[in-house]
Amino acid sequence: MDLDDFLALLEWTGRQIRADKPGAIPAHFEAILKRLEIDQDAWLDTVQHFGSRFHLVAGSVKRLMQAAREDGQHWFQGKSAAQRAYQSV
């Protein structure tokens, strides 16, 4: 994902979270979320509750396991959140 797409996705996410600025997901964001294998509703939930769902590392279960191994750990907190957010859509 390039920087412009990332920043636009961030803006859209903020509009979804703030009740006074709702908006439909643009088609190109749907494609980005699909390519990243992220469910739209789970993405919003993850962003809203990020600090209580993930610590140190966030991403798919595979990425959490990889990061833990690289850090000499068995696991990082966030497996359930990762399974909900980063799934095939």
Protein backbone atom coordinates (compact mmCIF):
# COMPACT_ATOMS: atom_id res chain seq x y z
CA MET A 1 0.00 0.00 0.00
CA ASP A 2 1.45 3.37 -0.88
CA LEU A 3 1.45 6.35 1.49
CA ASP A 4 -1.46 8.13 -0.22
CA ASP A 5 -3.69 5.04 0.06
CA PHE A 6 -2.66 4.57 3.69
CA LEU A 7 -3.43 8.18 4.60
CA ALA A 8 -6.77 8.03 2.79
CA LEU A 9 -7.64 4.80 4.61
CA LEU A 10 -6.77 6.46 7.90
CA GLU A 11 -9.03 9.41 7.09
CA TRP A 12 -11.90 7.10 6.13
CA THR A 13 -11.39 5.07 9.32
CA GLY A 14 -11.58 8.22 11.42
CA ARG A 15 -14.82 9.21 9.72
CA GLN A 16 -16.32 5.81 10.51
CA ILE A 17 -15.38 6.01 14.16
CA ARG A 18 -16.71 9.54 14.68
CA ALA A 19 -20.50 9.41 14.66
CA ASP A 20 -20.76 12.94 13.22
CA LYS A 21 -18.66 12.04 10.12
CA PRO A 22 -19.97 8.75 8.70
CA GLY A 23 -19.25 7.68 5.16
CA ALA A 24 -19.35 4.66 2.94
CA ILE A 25 -16.11 2.85 2.21
CA PRO A 26 -14.81 3.86 -1.21
CA ALA A 27 -14.36 1.01 -3.69
CA HIS A 28 -10.57 1.31 -3.76
CA PHE A 29 -10.44 0.84 0.03
CA GLU A 30 -12.50 -2.31 -0.30
CA ALA A 31 -9.83 -3.59 -2.67
CA ILE A 32 -7.04 -2.65 -0.25
CA LEU A 33 -8.75 -4.36 2.70
CA LYS A 34 -9.46 -7.43 0.57
CA ARG A 35 -5.84 -7.60 -0.62
CA LEU A 36 -4.68 -7.34 3.01
CA GLU A 37 -7.29 -9.96 3.98
CA ILE A 38 -8.90 -7.60 6.50
CA ASP A 39 -12.63 -7.58 7.16
CA GLN A 40 -14.04 -4.01 7.09
CA ASP A 41 -16.03 -4.30 10.32
CA ALA A 42 -13.18 -6.07 12.08
CA TRP A 43 -10.79 -3.31 10.88
CA LEU A 44 -12.92 -0.63 12.53
CA ASP A 45 -13.29 -2.68 15.71
CA THR A 46 -9.53 -3.28 15.80
CA VAL A 47 -8.75 0.42 15.41
CA GLN A 48 -11.26 1.42 18.09
CA HIS A 49 -9.96 -1.12 20.63
CA PHE A 50 -6.36 -1.43 19.49
CA GLY A 51 -4.69 -0.90 22.86
CA SER A 52 -6.73 -3.56 24.60
CA ARG A 53 -6.38 -6.11 21.79
CA PHE A 54 -2.72 -5.88 20.81
CA HIS A 55 0.50 -5.17 22.69
CA LEU A 56 3.88 -4.57 21.06
CA VAL A 57 2.91 -6.17 17.73
CA ALA A 58 -0.22 -6.21 15.56
CA GLY A 59 -1.07 -8.17 12.46
CA SER A 60 -2.15 -11.59 11.32
CA VAL A 61 -1.59 -14.64 13.52
CA LYS A 62 1.24 -15.64 11.19
CA ARG A 63 2.91 -12.23 11.65
CA LEU A 64 2.46 -12.35 15.43
CA MET A 65 4.15 -15.74 15.56
CA GLN A 66 6.98 -14.56 13.30
CA ALA A 67 7.58 -11.44 15.39
CA ALA A 68 7.53 -13.45 18.62
CA ARG A 69 10.12 -15.90 17.27
CA GLU A 70 12.33 -13.03 16.10
CA ASP A 71 12.10 -11.55 19.61
CA GLY A 72 12.83 -14.86 21.32
CA GLN A 73 9.27 -15.15 22.65
CA HIS A 74 6.70 -17.88 22.28
CA TRP A 75 3.84 -15.48 21.62
CA PHE A 76 2.64 -11.87 21.73
CA GLN A 77 -0.80 -10.89 23.00
CA GLY A 78 -3.40 -10.45 20.27
CA LYS A 79 -4.13 -13.90 18.83
CA SER A 80 -7.92 -13.63 19.18
CA ALA A 81 -7.95 -10.09 17.81
CA ALA A 82 -5.72 -11.15 14.93
CA GLN A 83 -7.98 -14.07 14.08
CA ARG A 84 -11.02 -11.73 13.98
CA ALA A 85 -9.40 -8.87 12.09
CA TYR A 86 -7.03 -10.58 9.70
CA GLN A 87 -9.03 -13.30 8.06
CA SER A 88 -9.84 -14.14 4.49
CA VAL A 89 -12.74 -12.01 3.36
